[in-house]
Protein backbone atom coordinates (compact mmCIF):
# COMPACT_ATOMS: atom_id res chain seq x y z
CA MET A 1 120.62 103.09 91.02
CA LEU A 2 122.00 103.24 87.50
CA ARG A 3 119.91 103.20 84.34
CA ILE A 4 121.18 103.23 80.78
CA CYS A 5 118.42 104.25 78.41
CA PRO A 6 117.94 102.69 74.98
CA THR A 7 119.29 104.29 71.83
CA SER A 8 117.37 104.92 68.64
CA THR A 9 117.89 105.14 64.90
CA ILE A 10 114.66 107.12 64.41
CA GLY A 11 115.21 110.03 62.05
CA GLY A 12 118.65 108.75 61.09
CA GLY A 13 120.01 108.98 64.64
CA ASP A 14 123.36 107.36 65.28
CA PRO A 15 123.17 105.08 68.34
CA ALA A 16 126.94 105.38 68.79
CA GLN A 17 126.42 109.07 69.58
CA GLN A 18 123.56 108.50 72.04
CA LEU A 19 124.02 107.86 75.69
CA ASN A 20 121.55 108.63 78.44
CA LEU A 21 122.92 107.52 81.76
CA GLU A 22 120.84 108.18 84.87
CA TYR A 23 122.35 107.86 88.32
CA GLY A 24 119.81 107.62 91.12
CA GLY A 25 122.30 107.69 93.99
CA ALA A 26 123.26 111.33 93.57
CA GLU A 27 120.95 112.39 96.36
CA ARG A 28 123.22 110.68 98.89
CA SER A 29 125.97 112.84 100.35
CA PRO A 30 129.40 111.43 99.44
CA VAL A 31 130.91 112.72 102.72
CA SER A 32 129.89 112.48 106.34
CA ARG A 33 129.27 115.94 107.73
CA ASP A 34 129.55 116.53 111.45
CA ASP A 35 127.76 119.89 111.21
CA VAL A 36 124.47 118.31 110.14
CA ALA A 37 121.94 118.47 112.96
CA LYS A 38 120.68 115.12 114.12
CA VAL A 39 117.08 116.00 114.96
CA TRP A 40 113.94 113.96 114.41
CA PRO A 41 111.56 115.89 112.12
CA GLU A 42 108.67 115.55 114.56
CA ASP A 43 110.79 117.20 117.30
CA MET A 44 111.70 120.24 115.21
CA THR A 45 110.37 123.70 115.95
CA GLU A 46 108.53 125.67 113.28
CA GLN A 47 111.59 127.95 112.91
CA GLN A 48 113.86 124.95 112.30
CA THR A 49 111.58 123.62 109.57
CA THR A 50 111.34 127.08 107.96
CA ASP A 51 115.13 127.21 107.63
CA ILE A 52 115.27 123.99 105.59
CA PRO A 53 115.42 124.68 101.85
CA GLY A 54 112.66 122.92 99.94
CA LEU A 55 113.10 120.54 97.06
CA PRO A 56 112.08 121.69 93.59
CA LEU A 57 108.34 121.33 93.05
CA ASP A 58 108.60 120.23 89.42
CA LEU A 59 111.06 119.41 86.66
CA THR A 60 111.20 123.01 85.41
CA GLU A 61 112.26 124.26 88.82
CA ALA A 62 114.74 121.37 89.21
CA LEU A 63 116.40 122.26 85.90
CA GLU A 64 116.63 125.92 86.94
CA GLU A 65 118.26 124.90 90.23
CA LEU A 66 120.73 122.67 88.37
CA GLU A 67 121.72 125.57 86.15
CA LYS A 68 122.39 127.73 89.21
CA ASP A 69 124.33 125.08 91.16
CA THR A 70 127.97 125.37 90.09
CA THR A 71 129.03 122.60 92.50
CA VAL A 72 126.72 119.96 91.06
CA ARG A 73 127.34 121.08 87.47
CA GLY A 74 131.06 120.72 88.17
CA TRP A 75 130.64 116.98 88.75
CA PHE A 76 129.87 116.47 85.05
CA PRO A 77 131.36 117.59 81.74
CA PRO A 78 129.74 120.85 80.57
CA ASP A 79 128.47 119.24 77.33
CA LEU A 80 126.70 116.52 79.31
CA VAL A 81 124.98 119.07 81.57
CA ARG A 82 123.90 121.19 78.57
CA THR A 83 122.60 118.12 76.74
CA HIS A 84 120.71 116.93 79.81
CA LEU A 85 119.09 120.35 80.27
CA ASP A 86 118.20 120.60 76.57
CA VAL A 87 116.70 117.08 76.44
CA LYS A 88 114.64 117.53 79.60
CA ARG A 89 113.32 120.89 78.40
CA ALA A 90 112.42 119.33 75.04
CA GLU A 91 110.55 116.59 76.91
CA LEU A 92 108.63 119.24 78.85
CA ARG A 93 107.68 120.99 75.61
CA ALA A 94 106.56 117.66 74.12
CA VAL A 95 104.04 117.07 76.92
CA GLU A 96 103.01 120.68 77.49
CA GLY A 97 99.25 120.94 77.87
CA LEU A 98 98.70 117.22 78.41
CA SER A 99 96.92 115.90 81.47
CA PRO A 100 98.95 113.88 84.01
CA ALA A 101 97.29 110.70 82.73
CA GLU A 102 98.30 111.53 79.14
CA VAL A 103 101.88 112.23 80.26
CA CYS A 104 101.97 108.85 82.03
CA ARG A 105 100.69 107.11 78.89
CA ARG A 106 103.48 108.75 76.85
CA LEU A 107 106.08 107.57 79.37
CA VAL A 108 104.71 104.04 79.33
CA ASP A 109 104.84 104.02 75.53
CA ALA A 110 108.42 105.34 75.51
CA TYR A 111 109.82 103.06 78.16
């Protein structure tokens, strides 16, 4: 659930100033909420499913939602949020126009 990405000295980068920490458990609610409906998805009416907000469809939309969500942003230092947003948007620019297969090849080469 926790991944610490490698650092780099490429372009004179200082590894001491680089930290990319990814926490995969953030999707779990830290508190138990009694107001959450306990309904099986297959038993839900169409109206009930319409009322459920959807997840972001891509990274661009996810970053936009993060920027709007003051609660989630408040869990992290502002500089970390800004850096995360900037890095992810730079990654999107770096693969803009590539096919999904080419994007996957880039990821494999990087990691």
